[in-house]
C-alpha atoms as a PDB file:
ATOM      1  CA  UNK A   1     -15.163  14.098 -28.890  1.00  0.00           C
ATOM      2  CA  UNK A   2     -18.580  12.964 -30.079  1.00  0.00           C
ATOM      3  CA  UNK A   3     -21.607  15.270 -30.152  1.00  0.00           C
ATOM      4  CA  UNK A   4     -24.953  13.424 -29.965  1.00  0.00           C
ATOM      5  CA  UNK A   5     -27.728  15.933 -30.597  1.00  0.00           C
ATOM      6  CA  UNK A   6     -30.810  15.431 -28.437  1.00  0.00           C
ATOM      7  CA  UNK A   7     -29.431  12.476 -26.462  1.00  0.00           C
ATOM      8  CA  UNK A   8     -30.162  12.220 -22.749  1.00  0.00           C
ATOM      9  CA  UNK A   9     -27.894  10.341 -20.304  1.00  0.00           C
ATOM     10  CA  UNK A  10     -29.276   6.829 -21.066  1.00  0.00           C
ATOM     11  CA  UNK A  11     -29.131   7.517 -24.795  1.00  0.00           C
ATOM     12  CA  UNK A  12     -25.562   8.795 -24.509  1.00  0.00           C
ATOM     13  CA  UNK A  13     -24.584   5.689 -22.542  1.00  0.00           C
ATOM     14  CA  UNK A  14     -26.005   3.479 -25.299  1.00  0.00           C
ATOM     15  CA  UNK A  15     -24.027   5.375 -27.925  1.00  0.00           C
ATOM     16  CA  UNK A  16     -20.881   5.168 -25.799  1.00  0.00           C
ATOM     17  CA  UNK A  17     -21.337   1.400 -25.377  1.00  0.00           C
ATOM     18  CA  UNK A  18     -21.563   0.931 -29.149  1.00  0.00           C
ATOM     19  CA  UNK A  19     -18.480   3.098 -29.675  1.00  0.00           C
ATOM     20  CA  UNK A  20     -16.525   1.170 -27.026  1.00  0.00           C
ATOM     21  CA  UNK A  21     -17.535  -2.134 -28.610  1.00  0.00           C
ATOM     22  CA  UNK A  22     -16.458  -0.962 -32.066  1.00  0.00           C
ATOM     23  CA  UNK A  23     -13.128   0.375 -30.788  1.00  0.00           C
ATOM     24  CA  UNK A  24     -12.432  -2.865 -28.888  1.00  0.00           C
ATOM     25  CA  UNK A  25     -12.615  -5.039 -32.022  1.00  0.00           C
ATOM     26  CA  UNK A  26      -9.134  -6.473 -32.638  1.00  0.00           C
ATOM     27  CA  UNK A  27      -7.145  -5.063 -35.551  1.00  0.00           C
ATOM     28  CA  UNK A  28      -4.433  -6.699 -37.613  1.00  0.00           C
ATOM     29  CA  UNK A  29      -1.497  -4.300 -37.980  1.00  0.00           C
ATOM     30  CA  UNK A  30       1.660  -5.465 -39.755  1.00  0.00           C
ATOM     31  CA  UNK A  31       0.973  -9.050 -38.789  1.00  0.00           C
ATOM     32  CA  UNK A  32       0.166  -8.229 -35.167  1.00  0.00           C
ATOM     33  CA  UNK A  33      -3.288  -8.516 -33.619  1.00  0.00           C
ATOM     34  CA  UNK A  34      -3.988  -5.441 -31.507  1.00  0.00           C
ATOM     35  CA  UNK A  35      -6.916  -4.487 -29.264  1.00  0.00           C
ATOM     36  CA  UNK A  36      -7.723  -1.075 -27.783  1.00  0.00           C
ATOM     37  CA  UNK A  37      -9.908  -0.270 -24.775  1.00  0.00           C
ATOM     38  CA  UNK A  38     -11.673   3.085 -24.639  1.00  0.00           C
ATOM     39  CA  UNK A  39     -12.566   5.091 -21.531  1.00  0.00           C
ATOM     40  CA  UNK A  40     -15.542   7.341 -22.252  1.00  0.00           C
ATOM     41  CA  UNK A  41     -16.845  10.211 -20.146  1.00  0.00           C
ATOM     42  CA  UNK A  42     -20.237  11.776 -20.798  1.00  0.00           C
ATOM     43  CA  UNK A  43     -21.714  15.182 -19.990  1.00  0.00           C
ATOM     44  CA  UNK A  44     -25.295  16.161 -20.851  1.00  0.00           C
ATOM     45  CA  UNK A  45     -26.666  19.545 -21.910  1.00  0.00           C
ATOM     46  CA  UNK A  46     -27.994  21.538 -20.097  1.00  0.00           C
ATOM     47  CA  UNK A  47     -27.700  19.833 -16.670  1.00  0.00           C
ATOM     48  CA  UNK A  48     -23.910  19.507 -16.896  1.00  0.00           C
ATOM     49  CA  UNK A  49     -23.265  22.846 -18.584  1.00  0.00           C
ATOM     50  CA  UNK A  50     -24.832  25.282 -21.052  1.00  0.00           C
ATOM     51  CA  UNK A  51     -21.577  26.145 -22.823  1.00  0.00           C
ATOM     52  CA  UNK A  52     -19.227  23.963 -24.830  1.00  0.00           C
ATOM     53  CA  UNK A  53     -16.221  24.664 -22.599  1.00  0.00           C
ATOM     54  CA  UNK A  54     -17.973  23.497 -19.437  1.00  0.00           C
ATOM     55  CA  UNK A  55     -19.501  20.468 -21.162  1.00  0.00           C
ATOM     56  CA  UNK A  56     -16.099  19.368 -22.480  1.00  0.00           C
ATOM     57  CA  UNK A  57     -14.460  19.898 -19.082  1.00  0.00           C
ATOM     58  CA  UNK A  58     -17.101  17.861 -17.268  1.00  0.00           C
ATOM     59  CA  UNK A  59     -16.954  15.086 -19.875  1.00  0.00           C
ATOM     60  CA  UNK A  60     -13.195  15.007 -19.326  1.00  0.00           C
ATOM     61  CA  UNK A  61     -13.696  14.681 -15.556  1.00  0.00           C
ATOM     62  CA  UNK A  62     -16.171  11.835 -16.198  1.00  0.00           C
ATOM     63  CA  UNK A  63     -13.635  10.140 -18.480  1.00  0.00           C
ATOM     64  CA  UNK A  64     -11.099   9.907 -15.652  1.00  0.00           C
ATOM     65  CA  UNK A  65     -13.798   8.386 -13.463  1.00  0.00           C
ATOM     66  CA  UNK A  66     -14.543   5.953 -16.313  1.00  0.00           C
ATOM     67  CA  UNK A  67     -10.938   4.768 -16.262  1.00  0.00           C
ATOM     68  CA  UNK A  68     -11.582   3.401 -12.762  1.00  0.00           C
ATOM     69  CA  UNK A  69     -14.980   1.883 -13.537  1.00  0.00           C
ATOM     70  CA  UNK A  70     -15.685  -1.681 -14.606  1.00  0.00           C
ATOM     71  CA  UNK A  71     -17.413  -0.710 -17.846  1.00  0.00           C
ATOM     72  CA  UNK A  72     -15.069   2.101 -18.872  1.00  0.00           C
ATOM     73  CA  UNK A  73     -18.046   4.457 -19.287  1.00  0.00           C
ATOM     74  CA  UNK A  74     -19.281   7.062 -16.816  1.00  0.00           C
ATOM     75  CA  UNK A  75     -21.662  10.021 -16.813  1.00  0.00           C
ATOM     76  CA  UNK A  76     -20.643  13.269 -15.111  1.00  0.00           C
ATOM     77  CA  UNK A  77     -21.973  13.972 -11.640  1.00  0.00           C
ATOM     78  CA  UNK A  78     -21.176  17.061  -9.526  1.00  0.00           C
ATOM     79  CA  UNK A  79     -19.543  14.882  -6.867  1.00  0.00           C
ATOM     80  CA  UNK A  80     -16.847  14.070  -9.437  1.00  0.00           C
ATOM     81  CA  UNK A  81     -15.818  17.723  -9.432  1.00  0.00           C
ATOM     82  CA  UNK A  82     -15.762  17.676  -5.647  1.00  0.00           C
ATOM     83  CA  UNK A  83     -13.504  14.595  -5.679  1.00  0.00           C
ATOM     84  CA  UNK A  84     -11.231  16.225  -8.243  1.00  0.00           C
ATOM     85  CA  UNK A  85     -11.037  19.435  -6.214  1.00  0.00           C
ATOM     86  CA  UNK A  86     -10.128  17.422  -3.096  1.00  0.00           C
ATOM     87  CA  UNK A  87      -7.449  15.492  -4.982  1.00  0.00           C
ATOM     88  CA  UNK A  88      -5.923  18.733  -6.238  1.00  0.00           C
ATOM     89  CA  UNK A  89      -5.994  20.184  -2.724  1.00  0.00           C
ATOM     90  CA  UNK A  90      -4.589  16.971  -1.224  1.00  0.00           C
ATOM     91  CA  UNK A  91      -1.725  16.877  -3.713  1.00  0.00           C
ATOM     92  CA  UNK A  92      -0.811  20.487  -2.980  1.00  0.00           C
ATOM     93  CA  UNK A  93      -1.001  20.046   0.798  1.00  0.00           C
ATOM     94  CA  UNK A  94       0.889  16.740   0.674  1.00  0.00           C
ATOM     95  CA  UNK A  95       3.746  18.265  -1.302  1.00  0.00           C
ATOM     96  CA  UNK A  96       4.000  21.005   1.336  1.00  0.00           C
ATOM     97  CA  UNK A  97       3.855  18.447   4.147  1.00  0.00           C
ATOM     98  CA  UNK A  98       6.761  16.488   2.643  1.00  0.00           C
ATOM     99  CA  UNK A  99       8.837  19.656   2.170  1.00  0.00           C
ATOM    100  CA  UNK A 100       8.108  21.086   5.612  1.00  0.00           C
ATOM    101  CA  UNK A 101       8.174  17.869   7.696  1.00  0.00           C
ATOM    102  CA  UNK A 102       4.430  17.887   8.226  1.00  0.00           C
ATOM    103  CA  UNK A 103       4.117  14.109   8.373  1.00  0.00           C
ATOM    104  CA  UNK A 104       4.666  11.744  11.277  1.00  0.00           C
ATOM    105  CA  UNK A 105       5.597   8.113  11.816  1.00  0.00           C
ATOM    106  CA  UNK A 106       3.728   6.023  14.354  1.00  0.00           C
ATOM    107  CA  UNK A 107       5.116   2.705  15.571  1.00  0.00           C
ATOM    108  CA  UNK A 108       3.195  -0.499  16.207  1.00  0.00           C
ATOM    109  CA  UNK A 109       4.887  -3.334  18.118  1.00  0.00           C
ATOM    110  CA  UNK A 110       5.384  -6.797  16.705  1.00  0.00           C
ATOM    111  CA  UNK A 111       5.355  -9.305  19.529  1.00  0.00           C
ATOM    112  CA  UNK A 112       6.208 -12.900  20.267  1.00  0.00           C
ATOM    113  CA  UNK A 113       2.996 -14.908  20.456  1.00  0.00           C
ATOM    114  CA  UNK A 114       4.512 -17.115  23.133  1.00  0.00           C
ATOM    115  CA  UNK A 115       5.111 -14.454  25.779  1.00  0.00           C
ATOM    116  CA  UNK A 116       4.109 -11.059  24.345  1.00  0.00           C
ATOM    117  CA  UNK A 117       7.659  -9.660  24.341  1.00  0.00           C
ATOM    118  CA  UNK A 118       8.717  -7.118  21.739  1.00  0.00           C
ATOM    119  CA  UNK A 119      10.431  -8.607  18.677  1.00  0.00           C
ATOM    120  CA  UNK A 120      10.178  -5.686  16.228  1.00  0.00           C
ATOM    121  CA  UNK A 121       7.950  -2.842  15.112  1.00  0.00           C
ATOM    122  CA  UNK A 122       6.339  -1.381  12.012  1.00  0.00           C
ATOM    123  CA  UNK A 123       6.562   2.302  11.103  1.00  0.00           C
ATOM    124  CA  UNK A 124       3.205   3.599   9.892  1.00  0.00           C
ATOM    125  CA  UNK A 125       2.822   6.913   8.095  1.00  0.00           C
ATOM    126  CA  UNK A 126       0.341   9.451   9.483  1.00  0.00           C
ATOM    127  CA  UNK A 127      -0.721  12.855   8.187  1.00  0.00           C
ATOM    128  CA  UNK A 128      -2.713  15.308  10.273  1.00  0.00           C
ATOM    129  CA  UNK A 129      -3.101  18.410   8.097  1.00  0.00           C
ATOM    130  CA  UNK A 130      -3.916  21.826   9.583  1.00  0.00           C
ATOM    131  CA  UNK A 131      -6.689  22.386   7.011  1.00  0.00           C
ATOM    132  CA  UNK A 132      -7.819  18.888   6.057  1.00  0.00           C
ATOM    133  CA  UNK A 133      -7.481  17.155   9.400  1.00  0.00           C
ATOM    134  CA  UNK A 134      -6.470  13.492   9.624  1.00  0.00           C
ATOM    135  CA  UNK A 135      -5.963  12.075   6.117  1.00  0.00           C
ATOM    136  CA  UNK A 136      -5.879   8.310   5.681  1.00  0.00           C
ATOM    137  CA  UNK A 137      -2.816   6.705   4.038  1.00  0.00           C
ATOM    138  CA  UNK A 138      -5.292   4.783   1.878  1.00  0.00           C
ATOM    139  CA  UNK A 139      -6.157   8.138   0.326  1.00  0.00           C
ATOM    140  CA  UNK A 140      -2.882  10.036   0.160  1.00  0.00           C
ATOM    141  CA  UNK A 141      -0.421   7.236  -0.703  1.00  0.00           C
ATOM    142  CA  UNK A 142      -2.151   6.295  -4.012  1.00  0.00           C
ATOM    143  CA  UNK A 143      -2.373  10.027  -4.754  1.00  0.00           C
ATOM    144  CA  UNK A 144       1.356  10.387  -4.140  1.00  0.00           C
ATOM    145  CA  UNK A 145       1.980   7.540  -6.575  1.00  0.00           C
ATOM    146  CA  UNK A 146      -0.274   9.099  -9.203  1.00  0.00           C
ATOM    147  CA  UNK A 147       1.159  12.604  -8.840  1.00  0.00           C
ATOM    148  CA  UNK A 148       4.815  11.573  -8.865  1.00  0.00           C
ATOM    149  CA  UNK A 149       5.372  12.346  -5.172  1.00  0.00           C
ATOM    150  CA  UNK A 150       6.063   8.795  -4.032  1.00  0.00           C
ATOM    151  CA  UNK A 151       9.860   9.061  -4.328  1.00  0.00           C
ATOM    152  CA  UNK A 152       9.911  12.150  -2.114  1.00  0.00           C
ATOM    153  CA  UNK A 153       7.453  10.529   0.299  1.00  0.00           C
ATOM    154  CA  UNK A 154       9.466   7.317   0.442  1.00  0.00           C
ATOM    155  CA  UNK A 155      12.666   9.280   1.020  1.00  0.00           C
ATOM    156  CA  UNK A 156      10.998  11.105   3.927  1.00  0.00           C
ATOM    157  CA  UNK A 157       9.855   7.828   5.514  1.00  0.00           C
ATOM    158  CA  UNK A 158      13.316   6.253   5.299  1.00  0.00           C
ATOM    159  CA  UNK A 159      15.007   9.387   6.637  1.00  0.00           C
ATOM    160  CA  UNK A 160      12.578   9.712   9.554  1.00  0.00           C
ATOM    161  CA  UNK A 161      12.663   6.012  10.435  1.00  0.00           C
ATOM    162  CA  UNK A 162      16.469   5.922  10.413  1.00  0.00           C
ATOM    163  CA  UNK A 163      16.679   9.130  12.442  1.00  0.00           C
ATOM    164  CA  UNK A 164      14.287   7.665  15.017  1.00  0.00           C
ATOM    165  CA  UNK A 165      16.289   4.461  15.364  1.00  0.00           C
ATOM    166  CA  UNK A 166      19.457   6.511  15.844  1.00  0.00           C
ATOM    167  CA  UNK A 167      17.780   8.743  18.422  1.00  0.00           C
ATOM    168  CA  UNK A 168      16.580   5.748  20.435  1.00  0.00           C
ATOM    169  CA  UNK A 169      20.001   4.119  20.322  1.00  0.00           C
ATOM    170  CA  UNK A 170      21.715   7.324  21.446  1.00  0.00           C
ATOM    171  CA  UNK A 171      19.399   7.279  24.480  1.00  0.00           C
ATOM    172  CA  UNK A 172      20.382   3.697  25.198  1.00  0.00           C
ATOM    173  CA  UNK A 173      17.094   2.316  23.877  1.00  0.00           C
ATOM    174  CA  UNK A 174      17.499  -0.430  21.312  1.00  0.00           C
ATOM    175  CA  UNK A 175      14.553  -1.801  19.365  1.00  0.00           C
ATOM    176  CA  UNK A 176      14.694  -5.614  19.357  1.00  0.00           C
ATOM    177  CA  UNK A 177      14.609  -7.127  15.903  1.00  0.00           C
ATOM    178  CA  UNK A 178      13.979  -4.833  12.966  1.00  0.00           C
ATOM    179  CA  UNK A 179      11.906  -1.777  12.133  1.00  0.00           C
ATOM    180  CA  UNK A 180       9.586  -2.492   9.201  1.00  0.00           C
ATOM    181  CA  UNK A 181       8.861   0.212   6.645  1.00  0.00           C
ATOM    182  CA  UNK A 182       6.543  -0.036   3.662  1.00  0.00           C
ATOM    183  CA  UNK A 183       7.729   0.423   0.091  1.00  0.00           C
ATOM    184  CA  UNK A 184       5.626   1.459  -2.889  1.00  0.00           C
ATOM    185  CA  UNK A 185       5.972  -0.593  -6.109  1.00  0.00           C
ATOM    186  CA  UNK A 186       6.451   2.732  -7.920  1.00  0.00           C
ATOM    187  CA  UNK A 187       9.776   3.140  -6.121  1.00  0.00           C
ATOM    188  CA  UNK A 188      11.004   0.082  -8.011  1.00  0.00           C
ATOM    189  CA  UNK A 189      10.652   2.021 -11.272  1.00  0.00           C
ATOM    190  CA  UNK A 190      13.894   3.782 -10.384  1.00  0.00           C
ATOM    191  CA  UNK A 191      16.784   1.486 -11.441  1.00  0.00           C
ATOM    192  CA  UNK A 192      19.032   3.120  -8.832  1.00  0.00           C
ATOM    193  CA  UNK A 193      16.526   2.754  -6.002  1.00  0.00           C
ATOM    194  CA  UNK A 194      18.315  -0.075  -4.175  1.00  0.00           C
ATOM    195  CA  UNK A 195      21.707   1.648  -4.285  1.00  0.00           C
ATOM    196  CA  UNK A 196      20.234   4.980  -3.173  1.00  0.00           C
ATOM    197  CA  UNK A 197      18.388   3.343  -0.280  1.00  0.00           C
ATOM    198  CA  UNK A 198      21.491   1.505   0.860  1.00  0.00           C
ATOM    199  CA  UNK A 199      23.558   4.687   0.681  1.00  0.00           C
ATOM    200  CA  UNK A 200      20.979   6.685   2.610  1.00  0.00           C
ATOM    201  CA  UNK A 201      20.792   4.133   5.434  1.00  0.00           C
ATOM    202  CA  UNK A 202      24.600   4.057   5.673  1.00  0.00           C
ATOM    203  CA  UNK A 203      24.702   7.877   5.768  1.00  0.00           C
ATOM    204  CA  UNK A 204      22.392   7.733   8.804  1.00  0.00           C
ATOM    205  CA  UNK A 205      24.919   5.554  10.600  1.00  0.00           C
ATOM    206  CA  UNK A 206      22.787   2.395  10.459  1.00  0.00           C
ATOM    207  CA  UNK A 207      23.224  -1.041   8.957  1.00  0.00           C
ATOM    208  CA  UNK A 208      20.597  -2.344   6.504  1.00  0.00           C
ATOM    209  CA  UNK A 209      19.900  -5.301   8.785  1.00  0.00           C
ATOM    210  CA  UNK A 210      18.102  -2.919  11.166  1.00  0.00           C
ATOM    211  CA  UNK A 211      15.301  -2.528   8.623  1.00  0.00           C
ATOM    212  CA  UNK A 212      12.634  -4.852   7.245  1.00  0.00           C
ATOM    213  CA  UNK A 213      11.258  -3.699   3.877  1.00  0.00           C
ATOM    214  CA  UNK A 214       7.609  -4.566   3.316  1.00  0.00           C
ATOM    215  CA  UNK A 215       6.272  -4.969  -0.223  1.00  0.00           C
ATOM    216  CA  UNK A 216       2.863  -5.911  -1.589  1.00  0.00           C
ATOM    217  CA  UNK A 217       2.062  -8.897  -3.801  1.00  0.00           C
ATOM    218  CA  UNK A 218       0.494  -6.776  -6.531  1.00  0.00           C
ATOM    219  CA  UNK A 219       3.551  -4.535  -6.611  1.00  0.00           C
ATOM    220  CA  UNK A 220       5.952  -7.427  -7.084  1.00  0.00           C
ATOM    221  CA  UNK A 221       3.792  -9.136  -9.686  1.00  0.00           C
ATOM    222  CA  UNK A 222       3.519  -6.006 -11.851  1.00  0.00           C
ATOM    223  CA  UNK A 223       7.002  -6.808 -13.207  1.00  0.00           C
ATOM    224  CA  UNK A 224       8.377  -9.932 -11.507  1.00  0.00           C
ATOM    225  CA  UNK A 225      11.715  -9.910 -13.343  1.00  0.00           C
ATOM    226  CA  UNK A 226      12.490  -6.284 -12.501  1.00  0.00           C
ATOM    227  CA  UNK A 227      11.299  -6.808  -8.928  1.00  0.00           C
ATOM    228  CA  UNK A 228      13.564  -9.827  -8.530  1.00  0.00           C
ATOM    229  CA  UNK A 229      16.597  -7.787  -9.608  1.00  0.00           C
ATOM    230  CA  UNK A 230      15.878  -5.018  -7.099  1.00  0.00           C
ATOM    231  CA  UNK A 231      15.068  -7.470  -4.293  1.00  0.00           C
ATOM    232  CA  UNK A 232      18.272  -9.406  -4.886  1.00  0.00           C
ATOM    233  CA  UNK A 233      20.293  -6.195  -4.569  1.00  0.00           C
ATOM    234  CA  UNK A 234      18.471  -5.211  -1.363  1.00  0.00           C
ATOM    235  CA  UNK A 235      18.863  -8.678   0.138  1.00  0.00           C
ATOM    236  CA  UNK A 236      22.581  -8.739  -0.680  1.00  0.00           C
ATOM    237  CA  UNK A 237      22.934  -5.345   1.015  1.00  0.00           C
ATOM    238  CA  UNK A 238      21.520  -6.850   4.222  1.00  0.00           C
ATOM    239  CA  UNK A 239      17.884  -5.704   4.297  1.00  0.00           C
ATOM    240  CA  UNK A 240      15.201  -8.110   5.462  1.00  0.00           C
ATOM    241  CA  UNK A 241      12.315  -8.474   2.977  1.00  0.00           C
ATOM    242  CA  UNK A 242       8.654  -9.161   3.793  1.00  0.00           C
ATOM    243  CA  UNK A 243       5.618  -9.707   1.609  1.00  0.00           C
ATOM    244  CA  UNK A 244       2.813  -7.586   3.062  1.00  0.00           C
ATOM    245  CA  UNK A 245      -0.960  -8.261   2.952  1.00  0.00           C
ATOM    246  CA  UNK A 246      -0.377 -11.820   1.803  1.00  0.00           C
ATOM    247  CA  UNK A 247      -3.479 -13.504   0.396  1.00  0.00           C
ATOM    248  CA  UNK A 248      -4.954 -10.329  -1.111  1.00  0.00           C
ATOM    249  CA  UNK A 249      -2.917 -10.431  -4.325  1.00  0.00           C
ATOM    250  CA  UNK A 250      -2.139 -13.126  -6.830  1.00  0.00           C
ATOM    251  CA  UNK A 251       1.262 -14.589  -5.998  1.00  0.00           C
ATOM    252  CA  UNK A 252       1.744 -18.225  -6.893  1.00  0.00           C
ATOM    253  CA  UNK A 253       3.920 -20.655  -4.971  1.00  0.00           C
ATOM    254  CA  UNK A 254       6.346 -20.660  -7.920  1.00  0.00           C
ATOM    255  CA  UNK A 255       6.717 -16.862  -7.743  1.00  0.00           C
ATOM    256  CA  UNK A 256       7.201 -16.863  -3.992  1.00  0.00           C
ATOM    257  CA  UNK A 257       9.862 -19.530  -4.278  1.00  0.00           C
ATOM    258  CA  UNK A 258      11.841 -17.311  -6.631  1.00  0.00           C
ATOM    259  CA  UNK A 259      11.780 -14.155  -4.526  1.00  0.00           C
ATOM    260  CA  UNK A 260      14.450 -13.664  -1.800  1.00  0.00           C
ATOM    261  CA  UNK A 261      11.907 -13.122   0.981  1.00  0.00           C
ATOM    262  CA  UNK A 262      12.314 -13.532   4.738  1.00  0.00           C
ATOM    263  CA  UNK A 263       8.709 -13.376   5.923  1.00  0.00           C
ATOM    264  CA  UNK A 264       5.042 -13.218   4.945  1.00  0.00           C
ATOM    265  CA  UNK A 265       2.522 -10.941   6.630  1.00  0.00           C
ATOM    266  CA  UNK A 266      -0.902 -12.536   6.752  1.00  0.00           C
ATOM    267  CA  UNK A 267      -3.548  -9.977   5.807  1.00  0.00           C
ATOM    268  CA  UNK A 268      -5.712  -8.733   8.651  1.00  0.00           C
ATOM    269  CA  UNK A 269      -8.957  -9.571   6.823  1.00  0.00           C
ATOM    270  CA  UNK A 270      -8.262 -13.308   7.143  1.00  0.00           C
ATOM    271  CA  UNK A 271      -7.262 -12.979  10.789  1.00  0.00           C
ATOM    272  CA  UNK A 272     -10.455 -11.046  11.474  1.00  0.00           C
ATOM    273  CA  UNK A 273     -12.666 -13.727   9.936  1.00  0.00           C
ATOM    274  CA  UNK A 274     -10.759 -16.894  10.795  1.00  0.00           C
ATOM    275  CA  UNK A 275     -12.943 -17.846  13.767  1.00  0.00           C
ATOM    276  CA  UNK A 276     -16.253 -17.135  12.032  1.00  0.00           C
ATOM    277  CA  UNK A 277     -15.649 -18.237   8.441  1.00  0.00           C
ATOM    278  CA  UNK A 278     -14.186 -21.610   7.571  1.00  0.00           C
ATOM    279  CA  UNK A 279     -12.752 -20.321   4.277  1.00  0.00           C
ATOM    280  CA  UNK A 280     -10.732 -17.645   6.105  1.00  0.00           C
ATOM    281  CA  UNK A 281      -9.537 -20.255   8.599  1.00  0.00           C
ATOM    282  CA  UNK A 282      -8.518 -22.544   5.742  1.00  0.00           C
ATOM    283  CA  UNK A 283      -6.540 -19.708   4.129  1.00  0.00           C
ATOM    284  CA  UNK A 284      -4.733 -19.043   7.411  1.00  0.00           C
ATOM    285  CA  UNK A 285      -3.829 -22.733   7.771  1.00  0.00           C
ATOM    286  CA  UNK A 286      -2.695 -22.986   4.140  1.00  0.00           C
ATOM    287  CA  UNK A 287      -0.629 -19.792   4.371  1.00  0.00           C
ATOM    288  CA  UNK A 288       1.117 -21.022   7.502  1.00  0.00           C
ATOM    289  CA  UNK A 289       1.908 -24.320   5.819  1.00  0.00           C
ATOM    290  CA  UNK A 290       3.246 -22.463   2.778  1.00  0.00           C
ATOM    291  CA  UNK A 291       5.420 -20.195   4.909  1.00  0.00           C
ATOM    292  CA  UNK A 292       6.847 -23.165   6.795  1.00  0.00           C
ATOM    293  CA  UNK A 293       7.562 -25.103   3.594  1.00  0.00           C
ATOM    294  CA  UNK A 294       9.426 -22.093   2.156  1.00  0.00           C
ATOM    295  CA  UNK A 295      11.315 -21.399   5.372  1.00  0.00           C
ATOM    296  CA  UNK A 296       9.634 -18.018   5.859  1.00  0.00           C
ATOM    297  CA  UNK A 297       8.562 -16.344   9.091  1.00  0.00           C
ATOM    298  CA  UNK A 298       4.820 -15.674   9.278  1.00  0.00           C
ATOM    299  CA  UNK A 299       3.555 -12.486  10.942  1.00  0.00           C
ATOM    300  CA  UNK A 300      -0.178 -12.205  11.592  1.00  0.00           C
ATOM    301  CA  UNK A 301      -1.539  -8.684  11.183  1.00  0.00           C
ATOM    302  CA  UNK A 302      -4.624  -7.211  12.780  1.00  0.00           C
ATOM    303  CA  UNK A 303      -4.862  -9.479  15.820  1.00  0.00           C
ATOM    304  CA  UNK A 304      -7.583  -7.885  17.935  1.00  0.00           C
ATOM    305  CA  UNK A 305      -8.891 -10.576  20.273  1.00  0.00           C
ATOM    306  CA  UNK A 306      -7.361 -13.117  22.604  1.00  0.00           C
ATOM    307  CA  UNK A 307      -9.328 -15.868  20.871  1.00  0.00           C
ATOM    308  CA  UNK A 308      -7.623 -15.000  17.579  1.00  0.00           C
ATOM    309  CA  UNK A 309      -4.230 -14.961  19.275  1.00  0.00           C
ATOM    310  CA  UNK A 310      -4.850 -18.335  20.924  1.00  0.00           C
ATOM    311  CA  UNK A 311      -5.951 -19.896  17.638  1.00  0.00           C
ATOM    312  CA  UNK A 312      -2.923 -18.520  15.770  1.00  0.00           C
ATOM    313  CA  UNK A 313      -0.537 -19.695  18.477  1.00  0.00           C
ATOM    314  CA  UNK A 314      -2.075 -23.168  18.388  1.00  0.00           C
ATOM    315  CA  UNK A 315      -1.523 -23.261  14.626  1.00  0.00           C
ATOM    316  CA  UNK A 316       2.143 -22.412  15.105  1.00  0.00           C
ATOM    317  CA  UNK A 317       2.210 -18.671  14.393  1.00  0.00           C
ATOM    318  CA  UNK A 318       5.065 -17.123  16.381  1.00  0.00           C
ATOM    319  CA  UNK A 319       4.787 -13.392  15.642  1.00  0.00           C
ATOM    320  CA  UNK A 320       1.897 -10.940  15.435  1.00  0.00           C
ATOM    321  CA  UNK A 321       0.842  -7.334  15.632  1.00  0.00           C
ATOM    322  CA  UNK A 322      -2.518  -5.748  16.260  1.00  0.00           C
ATOM    323  CA  UNK A 323      -4.654  -3.813  18.703  1.00  0.00           C
ATOM    324  CA  UNK A 324      -4.715  -6.715  21.159  1.00  0.00           C
ATOM    325  CA  UNK A 325      -1.077  -5.910  21.899  1.00  0.00           C
ATOM    326  CA  UNK A 326      -1.064  -2.166  21.188  1.00  0.00           C
ATOM    327  CA  UNK A 327      -2.221   0.478  18.741  1.00  0.00           C
ATOM    328  CA  UNK A 328       0.267   2.395  16.569  1.00  0.00           C
ATOM    329  CA  UNK A 329       1.884   4.995  18.837  1.00  0.00           C
ATOM    330  CA  UNK A 330       3.858   8.218  18.386  1.00  0.00           C
ATOM    331  CA  UNK A 331       7.586   7.695  18.800  1.00  0.00           C
ATOM    332  CA  UNK A 332       7.860   8.935  22.374  1.00  0.00           C
ATOM    333  CA  UNK A 333       4.798   7.012  23.551  1.00  0.00           C
ATOM    334  CA  UNK A 334       6.143   3.857  21.900  1.00  0.00           C
ATOM    335  CA  UNK A 335       9.504   4.314  23.610  1.00  0.00           C
ATOM    336  CA  UNK A 336       7.893   4.762  27.039  1.00  0.00           C
ATOM    337  CA  UNK A 337       5.649   1.746  26.621  1.00  0.00           C
ATOM    338  CA  UNK A 338       7.958  -0.722  24.884  1.00  0.00           C
ATOM    339  CA  UNK A 339      11.584   0.419  25.136  1.00  0.00           C
ATOM    340  CA  UNK A 340      11.947   2.104  28.539  1.00  0.00           C
ATOM    341  CA  UNK A 341       9.830  -0.342  30.492  1.00  0.00           C
ATOM    342  CA  UNK A 342       8.872  -3.309  28.311  1.00  0.00           C
ATOM    343  CA  UNK A 343       5.534  -4.720  29.310  1.00  0.00           C
ATOM    344  CA  UNK A 344       4.940  -8.165  27.768  1.00  0.00           C
ATOM    345  CA  UNK A 345       1.352  -8.708  26.724  1.00  0.00           C
ATOM    346  CA  UNK A 346       0.250 -12.261  27.359  1.00  0.00           C
ATOM    347  CA  UNK A 347      -1.199 -13.796  24.191  1.00  0.00           C
END
């Protein structure tokens, strides 16, 4: 902690910048050159507290905000406390939801671009909390990763997805293709993850080839060697493997060639802009060429208009999902629409 008598917020920022610069200077330690980055949170007397305990607490809150900022320095603002309070509440409610089956899977069809017939589906996690209302996965999934809840959350998703497949099959309804579920890169931190997943699917009475496991580029690239080991085990077990949100991360062709993947999922942002922005169109064309050269299936996400579908089909894309074909649906609604009485959607 640093106490700067008489400094206002701009003055404290200037001091913090000098401290961060000094700390960042490389040091030679036992023949190794080391560099340290500081995250600095600032609170100002008396606006952020009149007592030392409150000032220190608010500076600590600002420090965690600084960890996410570009400069690594942030000044306390009351909204930071509100965000922290919501995160604490979300974590508590999410843990209860996992324990008491308070989550739900929705299912979005993946269709053939040629005739609109069902060729698979993706299971999408939804959380409608009694107190908080509808909470976006973009908010609660990163929180689950940060708070150590991702293993329990991932276990719930696998258990629910497998149970749903079994329930449909017992009713004589078979999903064509595979059901895709999303994995968090944090799940790969567990060296026994692949074996546990395989065992759990077998215990549900299903074969691994009924599931497509979707992973993100950034997750795989965090530790490519460890990821490759886990993916090889999963692929050998019979799971299909897809790279989700392709184009938003930093995979190189060399990395993709080394991973045992089956398909790429083109990120929705490029599909959305492909007809208006030539750069997005060029990325779509290049990604399709890459997928074809590597022998991978390409699935276009976020297809919302017939013009997009026509353009993708003309380029050779064979599979897609998006609101043009259907929104994510609760299990029973999905079964009625796509499994009981399949209704091809012309693309």
